PDB file of all heavy atoms in Angstrom:
ATOM      1  N   THR A   1      84.757 113.410  81.866  1.00  0.00           N
ATOM      2  CA  THR A   1      85.325 112.961  80.598  1.00  0.00           C
ATOM      3  C   THR A   1      86.446 111.981  80.892  1.00  0.00           C
ATOM      4  O   THR A   1      86.868 111.804  82.040  1.00  0.00           O
ATOM      5  CB  THR A   1      85.902 114.155  79.823  1.00  0.00           C
ATOM      6  OG1 THR A   1      86.974 114.724  80.600  1.00  0.00           O
ATOM      7  CG2 THR A   1      84.838 115.206  79.565  1.00  0.00           C
ATOM      8  N   ILE A   2      86.986 111.337  79.836  1.00  0.00           N
ATOM      9  CA  ILE A   2      88.098 110.413  80.025  1.00  0.00           C
ATOM     10  C   ILE A   2      89.277 111.132  80.681  1.00  0.00           C
ATOM     11  O   ILE A   2      89.884 110.627  81.627  1.00  0.00           O
ATOM     12  CB  ILE A   2      88.532 109.806  78.682  1.00  0.00           C
ATOM     13  CG1 ILE A   2      87.439 108.846  78.184  1.00  0.00           C
ATOM     14  CG2 ILE A   2      89.855 109.066  78.818  1.00  0.00           C
ATOM     15  CD1 ILE A   2      87.707 108.290  76.804  1.00  0.00           C
ATOM     16  N   ARG A   3      89.588 112.329  80.184  1.00  0.00           N
ATOM     17  CA  ARG A   3      90.712 113.067  80.770  1.00  0.00           C
ATOM     18  C   ARG A   3      90.447 113.363  82.239  1.00  0.00           C
ATOM     19  O   ARG A   3      91.330 113.215  83.087  1.00  0.00           O
ATOM     20  CB  ARG A   3      90.926 114.371  80.000  1.00  0.00           C
ATOM     21  CG  ARG A   3      92.102 115.186  80.512  1.00  0.00           C
ATOM     22  CD  ARG A   3      92.277 116.461  79.713  1.00  0.00           C
ATOM     23  NE  ARG A   3      93.389 117.243  80.215  1.00  0.00           N
ATOM     24  CZ  ARG A   3      93.727 118.432  79.751  1.00  0.00           C
ATOM     25  NH1 ARG A   3      93.049 118.975  78.748  1.00  0.00           N
ATOM     26  NH2 ARG A   3      94.745 119.096  80.267  1.00  0.00           N
ATOM     27  N   GLY A   4      89.211 113.743  82.533  1.00  0.00           N
ATOM     28  CA  GLY A   4      88.850 114.032  83.917  1.00  0.00           C
ATOM     29  C   GLY A   4      88.955 112.804  84.797  1.00  0.00           C
ATOM     30  O   GLY A   4      89.385 112.867  85.951  1.00  0.00           O
ATOM     31  N   ARG A   5      88.559 111.652  84.247  1.00  0.00           N
ATOM     32  CA  ARG A   5      88.649 110.406  85.018  1.00  0.00           C
ATOM     33  C   ARG A   5      90.102 110.069  85.329  1.00  0.00           C
ATOM     34  O   ARG A   5      90.429 109.608  86.425  1.00  0.00           O
ATOM     35  CB  ARG A   5      88.020 109.249  84.237  1.00  0.00           C
ATOM     36  CG  ARG A   5      86.512 109.341  84.128  1.00  0.00           C
ATOM     37  CD  ARG A   5      85.965 108.079  83.476  1.00  0.00           C
ATOM     38  NE  ARG A   5      84.543 108.213  83.197  1.00  0.00           N
ATOM     39  CZ  ARG A   5      83.782 107.231  82.775  1.00  0.00           C
ATOM     40  NH1 ARG A   5      84.301 106.037  82.586  1.00  0.00           N
ATOM     41  NH2 ARG A   5      82.506 107.409  82.541  1.00  0.00           N
ATOM     42  N   ILE A   6      90.974 110.266  84.334  1.00  0.00           N
ATOM     43  CA  ILE A   6      92.386 109.946  84.539  1.00  0.00           C
ATOM     44  C   ILE A   6      92.962 110.838  85.641  1.00  0.00           C
ATOM     45  O   ILE A   6      93.714 110.380  86.505  1.00  0.00           O
ATOM     46  CB  ILE A   6      93.170 110.101  83.231  1.00  0.00           C
ATOM     47  CG1 ILE A   6      92.681 109.050  82.221  1.00  0.00           C
ATOM     48  CG2 ILE A   6      94.664 109.955  83.469  1.00  0.00           C
ATOM     49  CD1 ILE A   6      93.201 109.261  80.821  1.00  0.00           C
ATOM     50  N   ILE A   7      92.605 112.133  85.626  1.00  0.00           N
ATOM     51  CA  ILE A   7      93.069 113.046  86.679  1.00  0.00           C
ATOM     52  C   ILE A   7      92.524 112.596  88.032  1.00  0.00           C
ATOM     53  O   ILE A   7      93.240 112.570  89.044  1.00  0.00           O
ATOM     54  CB  ILE A   7      92.625 114.491  86.366  1.00  0.00           C
ATOM     55  CG1 ILE A   7      93.358 114.995  85.114  1.00  0.00           C
ATOM     56  CG2 ILE A   7      92.898 115.403  87.555  1.00  0.00           C
ATOM     57  CD1 ILE A   7      92.846 116.328  84.599  1.00  0.00           C
ATOM     58  N   ALA A   8      91.240 112.207  88.038  1.00  0.00           N
ATOM     59  CA  ALA A   8      90.628 111.735  89.278  1.00  0.00           C
ATOM     60  C   ALA A   8      91.339 110.494  89.793  1.00  0.00           C
ATOM     61  O   ALA A   8      91.549 110.323  90.997  1.00  0.00           O
ATOM     62  CB  ALA A   8      89.146 111.441  89.067  1.00  0.00           C
ATOM     63  N   LEU A   9      91.725 109.616  88.877  1.00  0.00           N
ATOM     64  CA  LEU A   9      92.423 108.397  89.285  1.00  0.00           C
ATOM     65  C   LEU A   9      93.785 108.710  89.899  1.00  0.00           C
ATOM     66  O   LEU A   9      94.225 108.036  90.825  1.00  0.00           O
ATOM     67  CB  LEU A   9      92.593 107.468  88.087  1.00  0.00           C
ATOM     68  CG  LEU A   9      91.334 106.754  87.634  1.00  0.00           C
ATOM     69  CD1 LEU A   9      91.605 106.023  86.325  1.00  0.00           C
ATOM     70  CD2 LEU A   9      90.854 105.784  88.688  1.00  0.00           C
ATOM     71  N   PHE A  10      94.445 109.745  89.373  1.00  0.00           N
ATOM     72  CA  PHE A  10      95.731 110.136  89.936  1.00  0.00           C
ATOM     73  C   PHE A  10      95.571 110.534  91.393  1.00  0.00           C
ATOM     74  O   PHE A  10      96.299 110.069  92.275  1.00  0.00           O
ATOM     75  CB  PHE A  10      96.325 111.289  89.129  1.00  0.00           C
ATOM     76  CG  PHE A  10      97.555 111.903  89.774  1.00  0.00           C
ATOM     77  CD1 PHE A  10      98.772 111.230  89.711  1.00  0.00           C
ATOM     78  CD2 PHE A  10      97.480 113.117  90.441  1.00  0.00           C
ATOM     79  CE1 PHE A  10      99.899 111.777  90.309  1.00  0.00           C
ATOM     80  CE2 PHE A  10      98.603 113.658  91.038  1.00  0.00           C
ATOM     81  CZ  PHE A  10      99.817 113.000  90.973  1.00  0.00           C
ATOM     82  N   PHE A  11      94.571 111.394  91.663  1.00  0.00           N
ATOM     83  CA  PHE A  11      94.349 111.815  93.038  1.00  0.00           C
ATOM     84  C   PHE A  11      93.823 110.672  93.891  1.00  0.00           C
ATOM     85  O   PHE A  11      94.118 110.584  95.088  1.00  0.00           O
ATOM     86  CB  PHE A  11      93.389 113.007  93.075  1.00  0.00           C
ATOM     87  CG  PHE A  11      94.043 114.282  92.624  1.00  0.00           C
ATOM     88  CD1 PHE A  11      93.769 114.809  91.376  1.00  0.00           C
ATOM     89  CD2 PHE A  11      94.965 114.936  93.424  1.00  0.00           C
ATOM     90  CE1 PHE A  11      94.388 115.972  90.936  1.00  0.00           C
ATOM     91  CE2 PHE A  11      95.586 116.099  92.996  1.00  0.00           C
ATOM     92  CZ  PHE A  11      95.292 116.630  91.755  1.00  0.00           C
ATOM     93  N   CYS A  12      93.073 109.768  93.243  1.00  0.00           N
ATOM     94  CA  CYS A  12      92.575 108.595  93.959  1.00  0.00           C
ATOM     95  C   CYS A  12      93.738 107.739  94.442  1.00  0.00           C
ATOM     96  O   CYS A  12      93.732 107.234  95.567  1.00  0.00           O
ATOM     97  CB  CYS A  12      91.658 107.765  93.059  1.00  0.00           C
ATOM     98  SG  CYS A  12      91.062 106.249  93.826  1.00  0.00           S
ATOM     99  N   SER A  13      94.761 107.572  93.578  1.00  0.00           N
ATOM    100  CA  SER A  13      95.905 106.750  93.954  1.00  0.00           C
ATOM    101  C   SER A  13      96.643 107.362  95.139  1.00  0.00           C
ATOM    102  O   SER A  13      97.084 106.656  96.050  1.00  0.00           O
ATOM    103  CB  SER A  13      96.853 106.580  92.770  1.00  0.00           C
ATOM    104  OG  SER A  13      97.420 107.811  92.389  1.00  0.00           O
ATOM    105  N   LEU A  14      96.758 108.714  95.152  1.00  0.00           N
ATOM    106  CA  LEU A  14      97.389 109.380  96.287  1.00  0.00           C
ATOM    107  C   LEU A  14      96.553 109.207  97.545  1.00  0.00           C
ATOM    108  O   LEU A  14      97.066 108.950  98.637  1.00  0.00           O
ATOM    109  CB  LEU A  14      97.569 110.875  95.981  1.00  0.00           C
ATOM    110  CG  LEU A  14      98.519 111.234  94.835  1.00  0.00           C
ATOM    111  CD1 LEU A  14      98.564 112.743  94.649  1.00  0.00           C
ATOM    112  CD2 LEU A  14      99.913 110.681  95.103  1.00  0.00           C
ATOM    113  N   TRP A  15      95.223 109.338  97.398  1.00  0.00           N
ATOM    114  CA  TRP A  15      94.304 109.208  98.519  1.00  0.00           C
ATOM    115  C   TRP A  15      94.387 107.809  99.118  1.00  0.00           C
ATOM    116  O   TRP A  15      94.478 107.617 100.326  1.00  0.00           O
ATOM    117  CB  TRP A  15      92.884 109.494  98.032  1.00  0.00           C
ATOM    118  CG  TRP A  15      91.910 109.845  99.126  1.00  0.00           C
ATOM    119  CD1 TRP A  15      92.066 109.714 100.471  1.00  0.00           C
ATOM    120  CD2 TRP A  15      90.617 110.417  98.939  1.00  0.00           C
ATOM    121  NE1 TRP A  15      90.956 110.147 101.131  1.00  0.00           N
ATOM    122  CE2 TRP A  15      90.046 110.583 100.219  1.00  0.00           C
ATOM    123  CE3 TRP A  15      89.887 110.788  97.809  1.00  0.00           C
ATOM    124  CZ2 TRP A  15      88.770 111.106 100.399  1.00  0.00           C
ATOM    125  CZ3 TRP A  15      88.622 111.309  97.994  1.00  0.00           C
ATOM    126  CH2 TRP A  15      88.067 111.479  99.268  1.00  0.00           C
ATOM    127  N   LEU A  16      94.392 106.800  98.225  1.00  0.00           N
ATOM    128  CA  LEU A  16      94.471 105.429  98.707  1.00  0.00           C
ATOM    129  C   LEU A  16      95.793 105.171  99.420  1.00  0.00           C
ATOM    130  O   LEU A  16      95.835 104.467 100.426  1.00  0.00           O
ATOM    131  CB  LEU A  16      94.318 104.452  97.539  1.00  0.00           C
ATOM    132  CG  LEU A  16      92.919 104.346  96.941  1.00  0.00           C
ATOM    133  CD1 LEU A  16      92.985 103.527  95.660  1.00  0.00           C
ATOM    134  CD2 LEU A  16      91.948 103.724  97.928  1.00  0.00           C
ATOM    135  N   ALA A  17      96.865 105.751  98.898  1.00  0.00           N
ATOM    136  CA  ALA A  17      98.163 105.551  99.524  1.00  0.00           C
ATOM    137  C   ALA A  17      98.200 106.144 100.923  1.00  0.00           C
ATOM    138  O   ALA A  17      98.816 105.599 101.840  1.00  0.00           O
ATOM    139  CB  ALA A  17      99.265 106.174  98.670  1.00  0.00           C
ATOM    140  N   CYS A  18      97.512 107.271 101.093  1.00  0.00           N
ATOM    141  CA  CYS A  18      97.493 107.932 102.391  1.00  0.00           C
ATOM    142  C   CYS A  18      96.576 107.244 103.394  1.00  0.00           C
ATOM    143  O   CYS A  18      96.794 107.294 104.595  1.00  0.00           O
ATOM    144  CB  CYS A  18      97.048 109.391 102.233  1.00  0.00           C
ATOM    145  SG  CYS A  18      98.242 110.410 101.349  1.00  0.00           S
ATOM    146  N   THR A  19      95.501 106.627 102.895  1.00  0.00           N
ATOM    147  CA  THR A  19      94.513 106.044 103.805  1.00  0.00           C
ATOM    148  C   THR A  19      94.701 104.560 104.033  1.00  0.00           C
ATOM    149  O   THR A  19      94.069 103.983 104.907  1.00  0.00           O
ATOM    150  CB  THR A  19      93.092 106.261 103.251  1.00  0.00           C
ATOM    151  OG1 THR A  19      93.003 105.631 101.964  1.00  0.00           O
ATOM    152  CG2 THR A  19      92.776 107.735 103.126  1.00  0.00           C
ATOM    153  N   ALA A  20      95.588 103.904 103.251  1.00  0.00           N
ATOM    154  CA  ALA A  20      95.738 102.452 103.359  1.00  0.00           C
ATOM    155  C   ALA A  20      96.210 102.011 104.735  1.00  0.00           C
ATOM    156  O   ALA A  20      95.958 100.900 105.162  1.00  0.00           O
ATOM    157  CB  ALA A  20      96.716 101.944 102.300  1.00  0.00           C
ATOM    158  N   CYS A  21      96.912 102.896 105.456  1.00  0.00           N
ATOM    159  CA  CYS A  21      97.433 102.520 106.778  1.00  0.00           C
ATOM    160  C   CYS A  21      96.787 103.329 107.892  1.00  0.00           C
ATOM    161  O   CYS A  21      97.349 103.480 108.974  1.00  0.00           O
ATOM    162  CB  CYS A  21      98.945 102.731 106.808  1.00  0.00           C
ATOM    163  SG  CYS A  21      99.838 101.732 105.604  1.00  0.00           S
ATOM    164  N   ASP A  22      95.601 103.866 107.640  1.00  0.00           N
ATOM    165  CA  ASP A  22      94.970 104.743 108.602  1.00  0.00           C
ATOM    166  C   ASP A  22      93.739 104.093 109.197  1.00  0.00           C
ATOM    167  O   ASP A  22      92.742 103.885 108.526  1.00  0.00           O
ATOM    168  CB  ASP A  22      94.593 106.057 107.902  1.00  0.00           C
ATOM    169  CG  ASP A  22      93.919 107.031 108.869  1.00  0.00           C
ATOM    170  OD1 ASP A  22      94.206 106.942 110.064  1.00  0.00           O
ATOM    171  OD2 ASP A  22      93.116 107.858 108.379  1.00  0.00           O
ATOM    172  N   ASP A  23      93.803 103.722 110.497  1.00  0.00           N
ATOM    173  CA  ASP A  23      92.599 103.264 111.173  1.00  0.00           C
ATOM    174  C   ASP A  23      92.565 103.855 112.556  1.00  0.00           C
ATOM    175  O   ASP A  23      93.410 104.656 112.949  1.00  0.00           O
ATOM    176  CB  ASP A  23      92.508 101.725 111.185  1.00  0.00           C
ATOM    177  CG  ASP A  23      93.625 101.075 111.980  1.00  0.00           C
ATOM    178  OD1 ASP A  23      94.375 101.799 112.697  1.00  0.00           O
ATOM    179  OD2 ASP A  23      93.748  99.842 111.887  1.00  0.00           O
ATOM    180  N   ASP A  24      91.575 103.464 113.366  1.00  0.00           N
ATOM    181  CA  ASP A  24      91.349 104.111 114.657  1.00  0.00           C
ATOM    182  C   ASP A  24      92.550 103.961 115.588  1.00  0.00           C
ATOM    183  O   ASP A  24      92.808 104.813 116.432  1.00  0.00           O
ATOM    184  CB  ASP A  24      90.114 103.520 115.330  1.00  0.00           C
ATOM    185  CG  ASP A  24      88.848 103.862 114.562  1.00  0.00           C
ATOM    186  OD1 ASP A  24      88.890 104.840 113.781  1.00  0.00           O
ATOM    187  OD2 ASP A  24      87.840 103.149 114.732  1.00  0.00           O
ATOM    188  N   ASP A  25      93.283 102.856 115.455  1.00  0.00           N
ATOM    189  CA  ASP A  25      94.412 102.605 116.347  1.00  0.00           C
ATOM    190  C   ASP A  25      95.744 102.998 115.720  1.00  0.00           C
ATOM    191  O   ASP A  25      96.799 102.752 116.310  1.00  0.00           O
ATOM    192  CB  ASP A  25      94.454 101.112 116.719  1.00  0.00           C
ATOM    193  CG  ASP A  25      93.207 100.684 117.467  1.00  0.00           C
ATOM    194  OD1 ASP A  25      92.703 101.467 118.282  1.00  0.00           O
ATOM    195  OD2 ASP A  25      92.754  99.551 117.200  1.00  0.00           O
ATOM    196  N   ASN A  26      95.689 103.573 114.521  1.00  0.00           N
ATOM    197  CA  ASN A  26      96.887 103.953 113.791  1.00  0.00           C
ATOM    198  C   ASN A  26      97.820 102.767 113.557  1.00  0.00           C
ATOM    199  O   ASN A  26      99.023 102.936 113.396  1.00  0.00           O
ATOM    200  CB  ASN A  26      97.652 105.068 114.518  1.00  0.00           C
ATOM    201  CG  ASN A  26      96.888 106.377 114.505  1.00  0.00           C
ATOM    202  OD1 ASN A  26      96.296 106.730 113.491  1.00  0.00           O
ATOM    203  ND2 ASN A  26      96.903 107.087 115.641  1.00  0.00           N
ATOM    204  N   ALA A  27      97.272 101.558 113.526  1.00  0.00           N
ATOM    205  CA  ALA A  27      98.077 100.362 113.267  1.00  0.00           C
ATOM    206  C   ALA A  27      98.237 100.186 111.758  1.00  0.00           C
ATOM    207  O   ALA A  27      97.383 100.580 110.979  1.00  0.00           O
ATOM    208  CB  ALA A  27      97.409  99.129 113.861  1.00  0.00           C
ATOM    209  N   THR A  28      99.342  99.585 111.364  1.00  0.00           N
ATOM    210  CA  THR A  28      99.569  99.356 109.947  1.00  0.00           C
ATOM    211  C   THR A  28      98.621  98.281 109.442  1.00  0.00           C
ATOM    212  O   THR A  28      98.503  97.217 110.022  1.00  0.00           O
ATOM    213  CB  THR A  28     101.020  98.905 109.710  1.00  0.00           C
ATOM    214  OG1 THR A  28     101.898  99.919 110.167  1.00  0.00           O
ATOM    215  CG2 THR A  28     101.262  98.633 108.224  1.00  0.00           C
ATOM    216  N   ARG A  29      97.949  98.542 108.349  1.00  0.00           N
ATOM    217  CA  ARG A  29      97.058  97.559 107.743  1.00  0.00           C
ATOM    218  C   ARG A  29      96.958  97.861 106.256  1.00  0.00           C
ATOM    219  O   ARG A  29      97.276  98.956 105.806  1.00  0.00           O
ATOM    220  CB  ARG A  29      95.657  97.577 108.363  1.00  0.00           C
ATOM    221  CG  ARG A  29      94.877  98.860 108.114  1.00  0.00           C
ATOM    222  CD  ARG A  29      93.525  98.815 108.798  1.00  0.00           C
ATOM    223  NE  ARG A  29      92.792 100.059 108.642  1.00  0.00           N
ATOM    224  CZ  ARG A  29      92.008 100.330 107.600  1.00  0.00           C
ATOM    225  NH1 ARG A  29      91.885  99.454 106.628  1.00  0.00           N
ATOM    226  NH2 ARG A  29      91.366 101.471 107.528  1.00  0.00           N
ATOM    227  N   VAL A  30      96.512  96.902 105.484  1.00  0.00           N
ATOM    228  CA  VAL A  30      96.279  97.082 104.060  1.00  0.00           C
ATOM    229  C   VAL A  30      94.785  97.101 103.827  1.00  0.00           C
ATOM    230  O   VAL A  30      94.071  96.174 104.205  1.00  0.00           O
ATOM    231  CB  VAL A  30      96.921  95.937 103.241  1.00  0.00           C
ATOM    232  CG1 VAL A  30      96.581  96.088 101.770  1.00  0.00           C
ATOM    233  CG2 VAL A  30      98.429  95.941 103.446  1.00  0.00           C
TER     234      VAL A  30
END
């Protein structure tokens, strides 16, 4: 539902924030 999507987006934003700098070499990247 719309409410469910909004909740999903909240967790998505946290997930993206955590993974935006995560790669095999642990180097900073966007």
